[in-house]
Protein backbone atom coordinates (compact mmCIF):
# COMPACT_ATOMS: atom_id res chain seq x y z
CA MET A 1 21.30 -5.33 -74.74
CA PRO A 2 19.81 -2.62 -72.49
CA ARG A 3 16.73 -0.88 -73.79
CA SER A 4 15.75 2.71 -73.06
CA LEU A 5 12.06 3.50 -72.68
CA ARG A 6 12.76 7.14 -73.46
CA GLY A 7 14.71 6.17 -76.58
CA GLU A 8 11.97 3.82 -77.76
CA LEU A 9 9.24 6.40 -77.22
CA LEU A 10 11.30 9.06 -78.98
CA GLY A 11 11.95 6.63 -81.83
CA TRP A 12 8.26 5.81 -82.17
CA LEU A 13 7.61 9.57 -82.37
CA LEU A 14 10.41 10.51 -84.76
CA ILE A 15 10.31 7.55 -87.13
CA PRO A 16 6.72 8.31 -88.24
CA LEU A 17 7.68 11.99 -88.46
CA ALA A 18 10.65 11.08 -90.65
CA GLY A 19 8.36 8.99 -92.84
CA LEU A 20 5.96 11.90 -93.04
CA VAL A 21 8.83 14.21 -94.04
CA ALA A 22 9.87 11.77 -96.77
CA PHE A 23 6.32 11.66 -98.09
CA ASN A 24 6.05 15.43 -97.90
CA ALA A 25 9.39 15.76 -99.70
CA TRP A 26 8.02 13.67 -102.54
CA THR A 27 4.73 15.59 -102.69
CA THR A 28 6.59 18.90 -102.34
CA TYR A 29 8.85 17.98 -105.24
CA ARG A 30 5.83 17.21 -107.39
CA SER A 31 4.27 20.49 -106.31
CA ALA A 32 7.49 22.36 -107.12
CA VAL A 33 7.58 20.77 -110.58
CA ALA A 34 3.94 21.68 -111.14
CA THR A 35 4.57 25.27 -110.01
CA ALA A 36 7.66 25.66 -112.18
CA ASN A 37 5.83 24.18 -115.16
CA LEU A 38 2.94 26.55 -114.59
CA ILE A 39 5.27 29.58 -114.55
CA THR A 40 7.12 28.35 -117.64
CA ASP A 41 3.88 27.56 -119.47
CA ARG A 42 2.47 31.01 -118.81
CA THR A 43 5.66 32.65 -120.03
CA LEU A 44 5.64 30.47 -123.15
CA LEU A 45 1.98 31.23 -123.77
CA ALA A 46 2.56 35.00 -123.40
CA SER A 47 5.48 34.85 -125.84
CA ALA A 48 3.49 32.75 -128.32
CA ARG A 49 0.58 35.19 -128.27
CA VAL A 50 2.90 38.15 -128.86
CA ILE A 51 4.31 36.34 -131.91
CA ALA A 52 0.85 35.23 -133.02
CA GLU A 53 -0.34 38.85 -133.09
CA GLN A 54 2.33 39.56 -135.70
CA VAL A 55 1.19 36.84 -138.09
CA LYS A 56 -0.58 38.65 -140.97
CA ASP A 57 -1.43 38.33 -144.62
CA ASN A 58 0.53 40.67 -146.87
CA ASP A 59 -0.86 40.66 -150.43
CA GLY A 60 -1.68 36.97 -150.30
CA ARG A 61 1.49 36.00 -148.51
CA VAL A 62 1.43 35.14 -144.81
CA GLU A 63 4.30 36.73 -142.90
CA ALA A 64 5.37 36.81 -139.24
CA LEU A 65 7.40 39.56 -137.65
CA ILE A 66 9.11 38.32 -134.46
CA PRO A 67 9.22 41.19 -131.95
CA PRO A 68 12.18 41.23 -129.53
CA SER A 69 9.83 41.51 -126.54
CA ALA A 70 8.56 38.00 -127.28
CA LEU A 71 12.01 36.57 -126.65
CA GLU A 72 13.12 38.89 -123.85
CA MET A 73 10.53 37.32 -121.54
CA PHE A 74 12.93 34.40 -121.06
CA ALA A 75 15.95 36.48 -120.10
CA SER A 76 17.56 34.88 -116.98
CA PRO A 77 20.97 33.94 -115.58
CA ASP A 78 20.38 30.35 -116.74
CA ARG A 79 20.74 31.38 -120.42
CA ASP A 80 17.99 29.12 -121.64
CA HIS A 81 17.64 28.65 -125.38
CA VAL A 82 14.39 30.04 -126.79
CA ILE A 83 13.23 28.57 -130.09
CA TYR A 84 10.14 29.03 -132.11
CA ARG A 85 8.40 27.91 -135.27
CA VAL A 86 5.64 29.63 -137.20
CA ILE A 87 3.79 27.67 -139.90
CA ALA A 88 1.36 29.29 -142.30
CA PRO A 89 -2.13 27.82 -142.87
CA SER A 90 -0.71 26.26 -146.02
CA GLY A 91 1.94 24.39 -144.03
CA GLU A 92 4.79 26.60 -145.15
CA LEU A 93 7.46 27.56 -142.58
CA ILE A 94 7.37 31.35 -142.38
CA ALA A 95 9.66 31.89 -139.31
CA GLY A 96 11.80 30.02 -136.83
CA PHE A 97 13.51 26.64 -136.83
CA PRO A 98 12.19 23.93 -139.09
CA ASP A 99 13.22 21.11 -136.72
CA VAL A 100 11.22 22.38 -133.74
CA ALA A 101 8.81 19.63 -132.74
CA ILE A 102 5.15 20.11 -133.43
CA PRO A 103 2.53 19.29 -130.76
CA PRO A 104 1.12 15.75 -130.54
CA ARG A 105 -2.31 17.20 -131.40
CA ALA A 106 -3.30 20.35 -133.18
CA PRO A 107 -4.59 23.22 -131.00
CA THR A 108 -8.22 24.14 -131.52
CA ASP A 109 -10.46 27.05 -130.59
CA LEU A 110 -7.61 29.20 -129.36
CA GLN A 111 -6.77 26.62 -126.65
CA PRO A 112 -3.01 26.18 -126.22
CA VAL A 113 -1.34 22.79 -126.22
CA HIS A 114 1.58 22.37 -123.79
CA PHE A 115 4.01 19.53 -124.35
CA GLU A 116 7.58 18.40 -123.75
CA ALA A 117 9.90 17.28 -126.48
CA ARG A 118 13.55 17.23 -127.47
CA PHE A 119 15.32 19.75 -129.65
CA ARG A 120 18.60 18.49 -130.92
CA VAL A 121 20.51 17.68 -127.69
CA GLU A 122 18.26 19.40 -125.14
CA ASP A 123 14.96 18.69 -123.51
CA ILE A 124 12.46 21.47 -124.09
CA ARG A 125 9.05 22.54 -122.92
CA ALA A 126 6.84 24.07 -125.57
CA VAL A 127 3.42 25.57 -126.26
CA ALA A 128 1.50 25.61 -129.51
CA ILE A 129 -1.40 27.91 -130.38
CA ALA A 130 -3.49 28.42 -133.48
CA GLN A 131 -3.71 31.93 -134.91
CA PRO A 132 -6.55 32.66 -137.38
CA VAL A 133 -5.30 34.34 -140.58
CA VAL A 134 -7.63 36.15 -143.03
CA SER A 135 -6.22 36.01 -146.56
CA LYS A 136 -7.52 37.12 -149.98
CA SER A 137 -6.69 33.77 -151.47
CA ALA A 138 -7.46 31.40 -148.64
CA GLY A 139 -7.93 31.68 -144.87
CA GLY A 140 -7.04 29.30 -142.03
CA ASN A 141 -5.05 28.93 -138.85
CA ALA A 142 -1.37 29.52 -138.58
CA LEU A 143 0.53 27.38 -136.06
CA VAL A 144 2.81 29.14 -133.58
CA VAL A 145 5.17 27.00 -131.49
CA VAL A 146 7.43 28.54 -128.85
CA ALA A 147 9.78 26.40 -126.72
CA THR A 148 12.55 26.88 -124.16
CA SER A 149 15.21 24.68 -122.62
CA LEU A 150 14.67 23.52 -119.04
CA ARG A 151 17.66 24.88 -117.16
CA GLY A 152 15.72 27.76 -115.62
CA ARG A 153 12.74 25.57 -114.85
CA ASP A 154 14.92 22.94 -113.19
CA ARG A 155 16.63 25.61 -111.08
CA LEU A 156 13.24 26.92 -109.98
CA VAL A 157 12.10 23.38 -109.09
CA THR A 158 15.23 22.85 -107.00
CA GLU A 159 14.86 26.18 -105.20
CA LEU A 160 11.20 25.63 -104.39
CA TRP A 161 11.78 22.05 -103.27
CA LEU A 162 14.86 22.73 -101.13
CA ARG A 163 13.19 25.68 -99.43
CA SER A 164 10.19 23.58 -98.51
CA LEU A 165 12.38 20.66 -97.45
CA ARG A 166 14.46 22.96 -95.26
CA ASP A 167 11.35 24.31 -93.55
CA GLN A 168 9.98 20.83 -92.94
CA THR A 169 13.29 19.53 -91.62
CA LEU A 170 13.46 22.50 -89.28
CA LEU A 171 9.93 21.74 -88.08
CA VAL A 172 10.86 18.10 -87.46
CA GLY A 173 13.93 19.19 -85.51
CA ILE A 174 11.83 21.51 -83.37
CA ALA A 175 9.24 18.73 -82.92
CA ALA A 176 12.01 16.35 -81.83
CA LEU A 177 13.24 18.83 -79.23
CA LEU A 178 9.71 19.42 -77.97
CA ALA A 179 9.09 15.65 -77.90
CA LEU A 180 12.30 15.12 -75.95
CA PHE A 181 11.28 17.81 -73.49
CA GLY A 182 7.76 16.38 -73.23
CA LEU A 183 9.11 12.86 -72.70
CA HIS A 184 11.44 14.11 -70.00
CA ARG A 185 8.57 15.80 -68.20
CA GLY A 186 6.15 12.95 -68.82
CA LEU A 187 8.59 10.25 -67.69
CA ALA A 188 9.71 12.20 -64.63
CA PRO A 189 7.31 10.34 -62.26
CA LEU A 190 8.48 7.01 -63.66
CA LEU A 191 12.12 8.00 -63.28
CA ARG A 192 11.45 9.11 -59.69
CA LEU A 193 9.81 5.75 -59.06
CA ARG A 194 12.86 3.99 -60.49
CA SER A 195 15.17 6.03 -58.28
CA GLU A 196 13.01 5.32 -55.25
CA LEU A 197 13.06 1.57 -55.94
CA LEU A 198 16.84 1.60 -56.42
CA ALA A 199 17.41 3.61 -53.24
CA ARG A 200 15.05 1.72 -50.93
CA ASP A 201 16.15 -1.12 -48.68
CA PRO A 202 15.74 -4.45 -50.53
CA GLY A 203 14.01 -5.87 -47.46
CA SER A 204 11.55 -2.99 -47.12
CA LEU A 205 7.88 -3.81 -47.73
CA ARG A 206 6.44 -0.36 -47.15
CA PRO A 207 3.99 0.65 -49.89
CA LEU A 208 5.02 2.96 -52.67
CA ALA A 209 3.45 6.40 -52.90
CA ALA A 210 0.97 6.72 -55.77
CA GLU A 211 0.61 10.50 -55.71
CA ASN A 212 1.36 12.58 -58.83
CA LEU A 213 1.46 9.48 -61.02
CA GLN A 214 -0.25 9.07 -64.36
CA THR A 215 -3.28 6.80 -64.52
CA GLU A 216 -1.29 4.32 -66.63
CA LEU A 217 1.26 3.89 -63.81
CA LYS A 218 -1.19 3.61 -60.93
CA PRO A 219 -2.18 -0.02 -61.73
CA LEU A 220 1.53 -0.92 -61.61
CA ILE A 221 1.97 0.78 -58.24
CA ASP A 222 -1.22 -0.81 -56.94
CA ALA A 223 -0.01 -4.23 -58.07
CA LEU A 224 3.39 -3.71 -56.39
CA ASN A 225 1.76 -2.50 -53.18
CA HIS A 226 -0.61 -5.46 -53.28
CA ALA A 227 2.35 -7.80 -53.71
CA PHE A 228 4.17 -6.10 -50.82
CA ALA A 229 1.04 -6.48 -48.67
CA ARG A 230 0.74 -10.16 -49.55
CA ILE A 231 4.38 -10.76 -48.71
CA GLN A 232 3.92 -8.90 -45.44
CA THR A 233 0.85 -11.04 -44.72
CA TYR A 234 2.82 -14.23 -45.38
CA ILE A 235 5.62 -13.05 -43.11
CA THR A 236 3.11 -12.11 -40.39
CA LEU A 237 1.38 -15.47 -40.69
CA GLN A 238 4.69 -17.29 -40.52
CA ARG A 239 5.74 -15.37 -37.43
CA ARG A 240 2.33 -15.89 -35.84
CA PHE A 241 2.47 -19.62 -36.57
CA VAL A 242 5.94 -19.89 -35.05
CA ALA A 243 4.83 -17.86 -32.02
CA ASP A 244 1.66 -19.95 -31.61
CA ALA A 245 3.56 -23.20 -31.97
CA SER A 246 6.24 -22.18 -29.47
CA HIS A 247 3.56 -20.87 -27.08
CA GLN A 248 1.64 -24.15 -27.13
CA LEU A 249 4.54 -26.59 -27.31
CA ARG A 250 6.92 -25.08 -24.76
CA THR A 251 4.99 -26.21 -21.68
CA PRO A 252 4.05 -29.72 -22.96
CA LEU A 253 7.65 -30.32 -23.99
CA ALA A 254 8.87 -29.30 -20.54
CA VAL A 255 6.27 -31.64 -18.96
CA LEU A 256 7.35 -34.49 -21.26
CA LYS A 257 10.97 -33.89 -20.37
CA THR A 258 10.10 -33.99 -16.67
CA GLN A 259 8.06 -37.17 -17.09
CA ALA A 260 10.82 -38.84 -19.07
CA THR A 261 13.40 -37.85 -16.41
CA VAL A 262 11.20 -39.24 -13.64
CA GLY A 263 10.62 -42.45 -15.59
CA LEU A 264 14.31 -42.94 -16.13
CA ARG A 265 15.11 -42.46 -12.45
CA ASP A 266 12.38 -44.82 -11.23
CA THR A 267 13.47 -48.45 -10.92
CA GLU A 268 10.00 -49.94 -10.47
CA THR A 269 8.20 -51.24 -13.53
CA ALA A 270 4.85 -49.80 -12.45
CA ALA A 271 6.33 -46.32 -12.11
CA LYS A 272 8.00 -46.56 -15.49
CA THR A 273 4.70 -47.71 -17.06
CA GLU A 274 2.88 -44.81 -15.46
CA ALA A 275 5.50 -42.34 -16.78
CA LEU A 276 5.25 -43.83 -20.29
CA ALA A 277 1.46 -43.58 -20.18
CA ALA A 278 1.72 -39.92 -19.15
CA ILE A 279 4.21 -39.31 -21.95
CA ASP A 280 1.87 -41.03 -24.41
CA GLY A 281 -1.03 -38.81 -23.34
CA GLY A 282 1.13 -35.72 -23.58
CA LEU A 283 2.22 -36.67 -27.11
CA ASP A 284 -1.41 -37.12 -28.14
CA ALA A 285 -2.22 -33.66 -26.82
CA MET A 286 0.79 -32.18 -28.63
CA ALA A 287 -0.19 -33.89 -31.86
CA ARG A 288 -3.67 -32.42 -31.59
CA VAL A 289 -2.25 -28.93 -30.99
CA VAL A 290 0.09 -29.25 -33.99
CA ASN A 291 -2.74 -30.46 -36.22
CA GLN A 292 -4.94 -27.59 -35.12
CA LEU A 293 -2.17 -25.08 -35.74
CA LEU A 294 -1.65 -26.46 -39.24
CA VAL A 295 -5.37 -26.27 -39.98
CA LEU A 296 -5.44 -22.71 -38.65
CA ALA A 297 -2.47 -21.69 -40.81
CA ARG A 298 -4.14 -23.26 -43.82
CA ALA A 299 -7.47 -21.54 -43.23
CA GLU A 300 -6.08 -18.02 -42.71
CA PRO A 301 -6.50 -15.65 -45.66
CA GLY A 302 -3.30 -15.84 -47.64
CA GLY A 303 -2.03 -18.69 -45.52
CA ALA A 304 -2.29 -21.22 -48.32
CA ALA A 305 -3.72 -21.49 -51.80
CA MET A 306 -7.16 -23.01 -51.19
CA ARG A 307 -8.48 -24.95 -54.14
CA LYS A 308 -12.26 -24.73 -53.96
CA GLU A 309 -14.66 -27.02 -55.74
CA ALA A 310 -18.35 -27.84 -55.73
CA VAL A 311 -18.97 -29.94 -52.59
CA ASP A 312 -21.99 -31.53 -50.92
CA PHE A 313 -22.19 -29.70 -47.61
CA ALA A 314 -24.84 -32.07 -46.23
CA GLY A 315 -22.50 -35.03 -46.80
CA ILE A 316 -19.61 -33.14 -45.19
CA THR A 317 -21.77 -32.36 -42.14
CA ARG A 318 -22.85 -35.99 -41.75
CA ALA A 319 -19.23 -37.17 -42.02
CA ALA A 320 -18.15 -34.68 -39.33
CA LEU A 321 -20.96 -35.86 -37.00
CA GLU A 322 -20.00 -39.49 -37.52
CA SER A 323 -16.41 -38.69 -36.60
CA ARG A 324 -17.60 -37.31 -33.23
CA ALA A 325 -20.28 -39.92 -32.58
CA MET A 326 -18.04 -41.93 -30.22
CA LEU A 327 -17.39 -38.85 -28.07
CA ALA A 328 -21.15 -38.28 -27.79
CA PHE A 329 -21.68 -41.95 -26.89
CA ASP A 330 -18.99 -41.86 -24.20
CA ARG A 331 -20.57 -38.75 -22.62
CA ARG A 332 -24.12 -40.15 -23.07
CA ILE A 333 -25.18 -37.08 -25.06
CA ASP A 334 -28.00 -37.20 -27.59
CA LEU A 335 -26.44 -36.02 -30.87
CA SER A 336 -29.10 -35.39 -33.53
CA PHE A 337 -29.09 -34.12 -37.12
CA GLU A 338 -31.90 -32.49 -39.06
CA GLY A 339 -31.63 -30.94 -42.47
CA ASP A 340 -32.20 -30.97 -46.21
CA GLU A 341 -30.45 -33.66 -48.18
CA ALA A 342 -30.48 -32.01 -51.61
CA GLY A 343 -29.52 -28.62 -53.01
CA LEU A 344 -26.84 -27.98 -50.40
CA GLU A 345 -23.86 -27.51 -52.71
CA LEU A 346 -21.30 -24.77 -52.29
CA GLN A 347 -17.83 -23.89 -53.51
CA GLY A 348 -15.43 -24.88 -50.78
CA HIS A 349 -12.57 -26.97 -49.44
CA VAL A 350 -13.77 -30.39 -48.23
CA THR A 351 -11.17 -30.90 -45.49
CA LEU A 352 -11.51 -27.42 -44.00
CA LEU A 353 -15.33 -27.51 -44.03
CA ARG A 354 -15.31 -30.90 -42.29
CA GLU A 355 -12.86 -29.53 -39.70
CA MET A 356 -15.15 -26.52 -39.16
CA VAL A 357 -18.23 -28.65 -38.43
CA ALA A 358 -16.23 -31.13 -36.35
CA ASN A 359 -14.78 -28.36 -34.17
CA LEU A 360 -18.18 -26.84 -33.47
CA VAL A 361 -19.73 -30.24 -32.63
CA GLU A 362 -16.77 -31.19 -30.44
CA ASN A 363 -16.98 -27.91 -28.51
CA ALA A 364 -20.71 -28.47 -27.97
CA LEU A 365 -20.11 -32.05 -26.78
CA ARG A 366 -17.31 -31.04 -24.41
CA TYR A 367 -19.32 -28.28 -22.71
CA THR A 368 -22.61 -30.17 -22.56
CA PRO A 369 -23.11 -32.15 -19.33
CA GLU A 370 -23.62 -35.91 -19.47
CA GLY A 371 -27.12 -36.85 -20.49
CA GLY A 372 -27.57 -33.57 -22.38
CA ALA A 373 -28.40 -33.00 -26.02
CA VAL A 374 -26.67 -31.46 -29.05
CA SER A 375 -28.70 -30.79 -32.20
CA VAL A 376 -27.39 -29.91 -35.65
CA ARG A 377 -29.69 -28.34 -38.24
CA LEU A 378 -28.93 -27.66 -41.87
CA THR A 379 -31.24 -25.58 -44.10
CA ARG A 380 -31.12 -23.69 -47.35
CA GLU A 381 -32.29 -20.14 -47.97
CA PRO A 382 -32.18 -18.23 -51.27
CA GLY A 383 -28.48 -18.08 -52.14
CA GLU A 384 -27.38 -19.21 -48.66
CA ILE A 385 -26.82 -22.32 -46.58
CA HIS A 386 -27.53 -22.09 -42.84
CA LEU A 387 -25.88 -24.37 -40.29
CA SER A 388 -26.96 -24.14 -36.64
CA ILE A 389 -25.61 -26.14 -33.69
CA GLU A 390 -27.35 -26.01 -30.29
CA ASP A 391 -26.42 -27.50 -26.94
CA ASN A 392 -27.92 -27.30 -23.46
CA GLY A 393 -24.64 -26.64 -21.71
CA PRO A 394 -23.76 -23.61 -19.59
CA GLY A 395 -23.49 -21.33 -22.64
CA ILE A 396 -21.17 -18.34 -23.01
CA PRO A 397 -21.79 -14.95 -21.40
CA GLU A 398 -22.61 -12.27 -23.93
CA ALA A 399 -19.52 -10.26 -23.01
CA GLU A 400 -17.30 -13.24 -23.83
CA ARG A 401 -18.88 -14.32 -27.14
CA GLU A 402 -16.48 -12.31 -29.26
CA ARG A 403 -13.36 -13.09 -27.28
CA VAL A 404 -13.81 -16.86 -27.56
CA PHE A 405 -12.82 -16.55 -31.22
CA GLU A 406 -9.36 -15.36 -30.16
CA ARG A 407 -6.55 -17.87 -30.25
CA PHE A 408 -5.84 -19.78 -27.06
CA TYR A 409 -8.61 -17.96 -25.22
CA ARG A 410 -10.60 -20.18 -22.83
CA LEU A 411 -13.37 -19.23 -20.45
CA SER A 412 -11.59 -20.92 -17.53
CA SER A 413 -8.31 -22.68 -17.09
CA GLY A 414 -10.07 -25.84 -15.96
CA THR A 415 -11.76 -26.50 -19.32
CA GLU A 416 -10.45 -29.01 -21.83
CA GLY A 417 -9.01 -28.07 -25.20
CA THR A 418 -6.40 -25.72 -26.56
CA GLY A 419 -8.46 -22.62 -27.20
CA LEU A 420 -7.98 -22.95 -30.95
CA GLY A 421 -11.26 -24.57 -31.99
CA LEU A 422 -13.41 -21.49 -32.46
CA ALA A 423 -10.49 -19.51 -33.92
CA ILE A 424 -10.15 -22.22 -36.57
CA VAL A 425 -13.90 -22.14 -37.22
CA ARG A 426 -13.94 -18.37 -37.74
CA GLU A 427 -11.00 -18.47 -40.17
CA ILE A 428 -12.59 -21.27 -42.22
CA VAL A 429 -15.94 -19.48 -42.35
CA ALA A 430 -14.24 -16.24 -43.46
CA ALA A 431 -12.21 -18.08 -46.08
CA HIS A 432 -15.49 -19.34 -47.60
CA GLY A 433 -17.14 -15.91 -47.63
CA GLY A 434 -19.53 -16.58 -44.72
CA HIS A 435 -20.04 -15.39 -41.17
CA ILE A 436 -20.68 -16.95 -37.76
CA THR A 437 -22.63 -15.66 -34.75
CA LEU A 438 -23.06 -17.01 -31.22
CA SER A 439 -26.26 -16.52 -29.25
CA GLN A 440 -28.15 -17.94 -26.27
CA ARG A 441 -30.18 -21.07 -26.89
CA THR A 442 -33.95 -20.79 -26.69
CA PRO A 443 -35.03 -21.88 -24.15
CA PRO A 444 -31.92 -21.43 -21.99
CA PRO A 445 -29.51 -22.63 -20.82
CA GLY A 446 -27.26 -23.44 -23.74
CA LEU A 447 -25.46 -21.96 -26.72
CA ARG A 448 -26.47 -21.62 -30.36
CA ALA A 449 -23.88 -21.21 -33.12
CA ASP A 450 -25.19 -20.02 -36.51
CA ILE A 451 -23.11 -20.16 -39.69
CA VAL A 452 -24.21 -18.68 -43.01
CA LEU A 453 -22.33 -19.71 -46.16
CA PRO A 454 -22.97 -18.67 -49.78
CA ALA A 455 -24.57 -21.48 -51.80
CA SER A 456 -23.45 -22.44 -55.29
C-alpha cells in the first residue's frame, strides 16, 4: 500500500490537535457547567435573601411574606419551576412546599449551602440560608430554601459548550489549512528532488544539486552523491583496467601468434623447440603483466574492499627480501637488511604490503649493475614506520622522479619490466595512508626510496 509522506506528516499534526480538541471539549464542558451553576446559584441566593428579609415575628408568630420579585428573577423561556420552603426556628413550615428537600447540612453564620436534589419528578438545584429571627417568646434561625428546575441551566451549559466547541473546531480547521500550506512549502524541495530523480536518465551519475535544501535533506543528498561518485570510480577503474590490459596484452599476443605461426611452418625440430621456448617466455611475461594489473586494480582506492589487520611489517619485509634473494644472487648484488625487529606493527593488507616491498627491491636489483649493493632499512619513529631502500645504480633524474609513478612509464625502452612496479607501489602506499618519496642516494650515484606508513 503506497504511503504519502505529506499525509503522514499532516496526520501526525492533526491527530494530536484532534486529541487536544477532545480534551478541551471535556474541560470546556466542565467549565460551562461550573459557569451555569455559578449563575444559577447567584440567582437562587438573591431570591433566597429577598425572601429571608420578609421573615419576621408578628406577636410571637413567625411569618414570611413572599414578594413577587423573588420569583420573577427566574423568568425565562425555559419555564423552570421555582419552589421554596421557609421553616420557622421552631421547625414549623410557614411558607412554601413541605416536600422541598432540606440541605444535607444546616447553614451557619449566614453562609449559604448549595446542593442538588430531586423534587417529585425533576432534578433541582437549591440554596439554603439561615435567617436570624428575634421573637418575644424565643429567638433563632429560620431556614429559607429556594430551588429551581434545571432546564434553563442545562440550556445555558449547552450554549456555552457548543460556542466554545465551535470556536475550537474552527481553529483546528484553520490550523489544518495552515499546516497543509506549510507542508506544501516545506516539502517543495523534496518534491523537486523526487521529480528530478524521476526525470533524470537512469544511467546518469552526475551529482544532485544540494542548494536550497533543508539541513535534514543534505545528508541524504551527500550520501547519494557519494554513492554516485563511488559508482563512477568503479566504472573508471574498470575501464582503466580493461584499457591497461588491452594495452599490455595486445603486442605480446601478436608476438605469440607470430611465433606460433613460425613454429607451425618450420619442419625442423630445433626450430620448433626454439619457437616453443620463445612462446614459453612470452607467456611468462604476460602472466607477470596480468598479475601486476590485478595487484594494481586491487590496490587502487575503491578498487576492492581491503580487509586490514594488525601485521608484523618487519616479517613482511624479510619475506619480500627472501623472495628476491635469488635475483640478487644471480646478479651478484649484495642485498642487505637492517632494522628493528619489534614494535613494527601496523594495520594493513599482508599480500599488498609484501608486493610493495618486493616491487621496490626488484626495481633496485634490476637497475643496479652486477657487483653493486642494495640496502634495506626499517626503523620506527613516534607513530610512524620508515622503510628506505638504497641502491648504487644510475638513479633517476630529478625531473623524472614523479613521472616514474605513472603506469607503463619507463625511462628508456631498453629497460626490463612493464612500467607498472612503481605505480603499484604508490597505490599500495596510498591505500595504507602513507607516502613515498624518491631522492638521490648519498653519496651518489644511486637512488633512495623512502616510505612512511602510520604505525598501529
